[in-house]
């Protein structure tokens, strides 16, 4: 348990701004996932997709701040896919 605590402390100390961005990103994706899970038979896309978009965009920002190359690629993909979904839901 102590190693988990130290992991979070090190993460916080290494980049405080990225740490808080990652926290909000994680909470946003968790909430979106919860909404999707609870409404899977009739998904509330207008609710969970924006949470996914916020989470992926913030994850991308944090990955850039931490200079995590492969995480930048992954979160760029997620942000692009969620942007397309948002456009299909709210614009098209």
N, C-alpha and C. Protein backbone atom coordinates (compact mmCIF):
# COMPACT_ATOMS: atom_id res chain seq x y z
N UNK A 1 0.82 -1.20 0.00
CA UNK A 1 0.00 0.00 0.00
C UNK A 1 0.87 1.26 0.00
N UNK A 2 1.97 1.18 0.70
CA UNK A 2 2.88 2.32 0.77
C UNK A 2 3.45 2.67 -0.60
N UNK A 3 3.70 1.65 -1.42
CA UNK A 3 4.24 1.90 -2.76
C UNK A 3 3.23 2.62 -3.65
N UNK A 4 1.94 2.32 -3.47
CA UNK A 4 0.89 3.01 -4.23
C UNK A 4 0.84 4.47 -3.81
N UNK A 5 0.91 4.71 -2.52
CA UNK A 5 0.91 6.07 -1.99
C UNK A 5 2.11 6.85 -2.55
N UNK A 6 3.28 6.24 -2.53
CA UNK A 6 4.48 6.90 -3.05
C UNK A 6 4.38 7.15 -4.55
N UNK A 7 3.74 6.24 -5.26
CA UNK A 7 3.53 6.42 -6.70
C UNK A 7 2.74 7.70 -6.97
N UNK A 8 1.65 7.89 -6.24
CA UNK A 8 0.82 9.09 -6.41
C UNK A 8 1.56 10.35 -5.96
N UNK A 9 2.31 10.26 -4.89
CA UNK A 9 3.09 11.40 -4.41
C UNK A 9 4.14 11.80 -5.44
N UNK A 10 4.84 10.82 -5.99
CA UNK A 10 5.84 11.10 -7.03
C UNK A 10 5.20 11.72 -8.27
N UNK A 11 4.05 11.19 -8.65
CA UNK A 11 3.35 11.73 -9.80
C UNK A 11 2.97 13.19 -9.57
N UNK A 12 2.47 13.47 -8.38
CA UNK A 12 2.09 14.84 -8.02
C UNK A 12 3.30 15.76 -8.02
N UNK A 13 4.38 15.33 -7.41
CA UNK A 13 5.58 16.17 -7.30
C UNK A 13 6.25 16.41 -8.65
N UNK A 14 6.17 15.44 -9.54
CA UNK A 14 6.86 15.58 -10.83
C UNK A 14 6.21 16.63 -11.73
N UNK A 15 4.88 16.80 -11.63
CA UNK A 15 4.19 17.83 -12.42
C UNK A 15 2.80 18.03 -11.82
N UNK A 16 2.69 19.03 -10.96
CA UNK A 16 1.43 19.27 -10.24
C UNK A 16 0.27 19.59 -11.18
N UNK A 17 0.52 20.38 -12.22
CA UNK A 17 -0.55 20.74 -13.16
C UNK A 17 -1.03 19.50 -13.90
N UNK A 18 -0.11 18.71 -14.43
CA UNK A 18 -0.48 17.48 -15.14
C UNK A 18 -1.24 16.54 -14.21
N UNK A 19 -0.83 16.46 -12.95
CA UNK A 19 -1.48 15.58 -11.98
C UNK A 19 -2.97 15.92 -11.86
N UNK A 20 -3.29 17.21 -11.70
CA UNK A 20 -4.69 17.59 -11.55
C UNK A 20 -5.47 17.46 -12.85
N UNK A 21 -4.82 17.73 -13.98
CA UNK A 21 -5.48 17.51 -15.28
C UNK A 21 -5.81 16.03 -15.45
N UNK A 22 -4.87 15.17 -15.09
CA UNK A 22 -5.10 13.73 -15.19
C UNK A 22 -6.23 13.28 -14.26
N UNK A 23 -6.32 13.89 -13.09
CA UNK A 23 -7.37 13.53 -12.15
C UNK A 23 -8.75 13.86 -12.73
N UNK A 24 -8.90 15.07 -13.29
CA UNK A 24 -10.18 15.45 -13.89
C UNK A 24 -10.48 14.59 -15.11
N UNK A 25 -9.45 14.31 -15.91
CA UNK A 25 -9.61 13.44 -17.08
C UNK A 25 -10.13 12.07 -16.67
N UNK A 26 -9.51 11.50 -15.67
CA UNK A 26 -9.91 10.17 -15.18
C UNK A 26 -11.33 10.17 -14.67
N UNK A 27 -11.68 11.16 -13.86
CA UNK A 27 -13.04 11.23 -13.32
C UNK A 27 -14.07 11.40 -14.42
N UNK A 28 -13.74 12.18 -15.44
CA UNK A 28 -14.66 12.38 -16.56
C UNK A 28 -14.91 11.08 -17.32
N UNK A 29 -13.84 10.35 -17.62
CA UNK A 29 -13.99 9.08 -18.35
C UNK A 29 -14.72 8.04 -17.49
N UNK A 30 -14.42 8.01 -16.20
CA UNK A 30 -15.12 7.07 -15.30
C UNK A 30 -16.61 7.39 -15.28
N UNK A 31 -16.96 8.66 -15.18
CA UNK A 31 -18.38 9.03 -15.17
C UNK A 31 -19.06 8.69 -16.49
N UNK A 32 -18.39 8.99 -17.60
CA UNK A 32 -18.94 8.63 -18.91
C UNK A 32 -19.13 7.13 -19.05
N UNK A 33 -18.17 6.36 -18.58
CA UNK A 33 -18.26 4.91 -18.63
C UNK A 33 -19.40 4.39 -17.76
N UNK A 34 -19.57 4.98 -16.60
CA UNK A 34 -20.68 4.59 -15.72
C UNK A 34 -22.02 4.85 -16.40
N UNK A 35 -22.15 6.03 -17.02
CA UNK A 35 -23.41 6.37 -17.71
C UNK A 35 -23.66 5.39 -18.84
N UNK A 36 -22.63 5.07 -19.63
CA UNK A 36 -22.80 4.12 -20.72
C UNK A 36 -23.19 2.75 -20.19
N UNK A 37 -22.56 2.30 -19.14
CA UNK A 37 -22.86 0.99 -18.56
C UNK A 37 -24.30 0.90 -18.07
N UNK A 38 -24.75 1.96 -17.41
CA UNK A 38 -26.10 1.94 -16.84
C UNK A 38 -27.19 2.11 -17.89
N UNK A 39 -26.83 2.65 -19.06
CA UNK A 39 -27.84 2.88 -20.10
C UNK A 39 -27.55 2.08 -21.37
N UNK A 40 -26.79 1.00 -21.25
CA UNK A 40 -26.29 0.27 -22.42
C UNK A 40 -27.40 -0.19 -23.37
N UNK A 41 -28.56 -0.50 -22.87
CA UNK A 41 -29.64 -0.95 -23.76
C UNK A 41 -30.28 0.20 -24.53
N UNK A 42 -30.11 1.40 -24.06
CA UNK A 42 -30.58 2.61 -24.74
C UNK A 42 -29.59 3.73 -24.38
N UNK A 43 -28.38 3.69 -24.96
CA UNK A 43 -27.29 4.57 -24.53
C UNK A 43 -27.62 6.06 -24.63
N UNK A 44 -27.25 6.78 -23.61
CA UNK A 44 -27.43 8.24 -23.59
C UNK A 44 -26.18 8.88 -24.20
N UNK A 45 -26.09 8.79 -25.53
CA UNK A 45 -24.89 9.29 -26.21
C UNK A 45 -24.69 10.79 -26.01
N UNK A 46 -25.77 11.53 -25.88
CA UNK A 46 -25.63 12.98 -25.68
C UNK A 46 -25.07 13.31 -24.30
N UNK A 47 -25.01 12.31 -23.42
CA UNK A 47 -24.48 12.52 -22.08
C UNK A 47 -23.07 11.92 -21.96
N UNK A 48 -22.90 10.64 -22.33
CA UNK A 48 -21.60 10.02 -22.07
C UNK A 48 -20.51 10.42 -23.05
N UNK A 49 -20.84 10.70 -24.31
CA UNK A 49 -19.81 11.07 -25.28
C UNK A 49 -19.11 12.38 -24.88
N UNK A 50 -19.83 13.42 -24.44
CA UNK A 50 -19.10 14.61 -23.98
C UNK A 50 -18.15 14.34 -22.81
N UNK A 51 -18.53 13.45 -21.90
CA UNK A 51 -17.62 13.09 -20.81
C UNK A 51 -16.38 12.40 -21.36
N UNK A 52 -16.56 11.52 -22.34
CA UNK A 52 -15.41 10.85 -22.97
C UNK A 52 -14.53 11.88 -23.68
N UNK A 53 -15.15 12.84 -24.37
CA UNK A 53 -14.39 13.84 -25.10
C UNK A 53 -13.56 14.70 -24.14
N UNK A 54 -14.18 15.16 -23.08
CA UNK A 54 -13.45 15.95 -22.07
C UNK A 54 -12.29 15.14 -21.50
N UNK A 55 -12.58 13.90 -21.14
CA UNK A 55 -11.53 13.04 -20.57
C UNK A 55 -10.38 12.80 -21.52
N UNK A 56 -10.68 12.53 -22.78
CA UNK A 56 -9.61 12.25 -23.73
C UNK A 56 -8.82 13.52 -24.05
N UNK A 57 -9.48 14.65 -24.18
CA UNK A 57 -8.78 15.91 -24.46
C UNK A 57 -7.87 16.31 -23.30
N UNK A 58 -8.37 16.17 -22.08
CA UNK A 58 -7.53 16.48 -20.92
C UNK A 58 -6.39 15.49 -20.78
N UNK A 59 -6.65 14.22 -21.09
CA UNK A 59 -5.60 13.22 -21.07
C UNK A 59 -4.50 13.55 -22.08
N UNK A 60 -4.89 14.05 -23.24
CA UNK A 60 -3.93 14.46 -24.25
C UNK A 60 -3.06 15.62 -23.74
N UNK A 61 -3.70 16.61 -23.14
CA UNK A 61 -2.95 17.75 -22.59
C UNK A 61 -1.95 17.27 -21.54
N UNK A 62 -2.39 16.42 -20.64
CA UNK A 62 -1.50 15.91 -19.58
C UNK A 62 -0.36 15.09 -20.18
N UNK A 63 -0.65 14.29 -21.19
CA UNK A 63 0.40 13.49 -21.83
C UNK A 63 1.44 14.38 -22.51
N UNK A 64 0.99 15.47 -23.10
CA UNK A 64 1.93 16.41 -23.71
C UNK A 64 2.79 17.06 -22.63
N UNK A 65 2.15 17.48 -21.53
CA UNK A 65 2.91 18.09 -20.44
C UNK A 65 3.97 17.14 -19.87
N UNK A 66 3.64 15.86 -19.81
CA UNK A 66 4.57 14.88 -19.26
C UNK A 66 5.52 14.29 -20.31
N UNK A 67 5.31 14.69 -21.57
CA UNK A 67 6.14 14.22 -22.69
C UNK A 67 6.11 12.69 -22.83
N UNK A 68 4.89 12.15 -22.86
CA UNK A 68 4.68 10.71 -22.99
C UNK A 68 4.26 10.41 -24.44
N UNK A 69 5.21 10.06 -25.27
CA UNK A 69 4.98 9.97 -26.71
C UNK A 69 3.84 9.03 -27.11
N UNK A 70 3.86 7.81 -26.62
CA UNK A 70 2.82 6.85 -27.03
C UNK A 70 1.46 7.19 -26.44
N UNK A 71 1.46 7.77 -25.26
CA UNK A 71 0.19 8.20 -24.66
C UNK A 71 -0.38 9.38 -25.44
N UNK A 72 0.47 10.25 -25.97
CA UNK A 72 0.01 11.34 -26.82
C UNK A 72 -0.68 10.78 -28.06
N UNK A 73 -0.07 9.77 -28.68
CA UNK A 73 -0.68 9.16 -29.87
C UNK A 73 -2.04 8.55 -29.53
N UNK A 74 -2.09 7.79 -28.46
CA UNK A 74 -3.35 7.14 -28.07
C UNK A 74 -4.43 8.15 -27.73
N UNK A 75 -4.10 9.15 -26.94
CA UNK A 75 -5.12 10.13 -26.53
C UNK A 75 -5.49 11.06 -27.69
N UNK A 76 -4.58 11.26 -28.64
CA UNK A 76 -4.94 12.02 -29.84
C UNK A 76 -5.99 11.25 -30.63
N UNK A 77 -5.79 9.94 -30.76
CA UNK A 77 -6.77 9.09 -31.45
C UNK A 77 -8.13 9.15 -30.75
N UNK A 78 -8.13 8.96 -29.43
CA UNK A 78 -9.39 9.00 -28.68
C UNK A 78 -10.07 10.36 -28.82
N UNK A 79 -9.29 11.44 -28.74
CA UNK A 79 -9.87 12.77 -28.85
C UNK A 79 -10.46 12.98 -30.25
N UNK A 80 -9.76 12.52 -31.28
CA UNK A 80 -10.28 12.64 -32.65
C UNK A 80 -11.57 11.85 -32.82
N UNK A 81 -11.60 10.61 -32.33
CA UNK A 81 -12.80 9.79 -32.46
C UNK A 81 -13.98 10.39 -31.68
N UNK A 82 -13.70 10.89 -30.49
CA UNK A 82 -14.76 11.50 -29.70
C UNK A 82 -15.22 12.83 -30.30
N UNK A 83 -14.33 13.54 -30.97
CA UNK A 83 -14.72 14.77 -31.66
C UNK A 83 -15.66 14.44 -32.82
N UNK A 84 -15.34 13.40 -33.58
CA UNK A 84 -16.23 12.96 -34.66
C UNK A 84 -17.59 12.57 -34.10
N UNK A 85 -17.59 11.82 -33.00
CA UNK A 85 -18.87 11.42 -32.38
C UNK A 85 -19.66 12.64 -31.94
N UNK A 86 -18.98 13.62 -31.33
CA UNK A 86 -19.67 14.84 -30.87
C UNK A 86 -20.29 15.58 -32.08
N UNK A 87 -19.56 15.65 -33.18
CA UNK A 87 -20.08 16.32 -34.37
C UNK A 87 -21.31 15.58 -34.91
N UNK A 88 -21.24 14.25 -34.94
CA UNK A 88 -22.38 13.47 -35.43
C UNK A 88 -23.60 13.62 -34.52
N UNK A 89 -23.38 13.74 -33.25
CA UNK A 89 -24.49 13.84 -32.30
C UNK A 89 -25.10 15.24 -32.30
N UNK A 90 -24.25 16.26 -32.25
CA UNK A 90 -24.74 17.61 -32.02
C UNK A 90 -24.80 18.52 -33.24
N UNK A 91 -24.11 18.16 -34.33
CA UNK A 91 -24.09 19.06 -35.49
C UNK A 91 -24.76 18.45 -36.71
N UNK A 92 -24.44 17.19 -37.00
CA UNK A 92 -24.98 16.55 -38.22
C UNK A 92 -26.32 15.90 -38.02
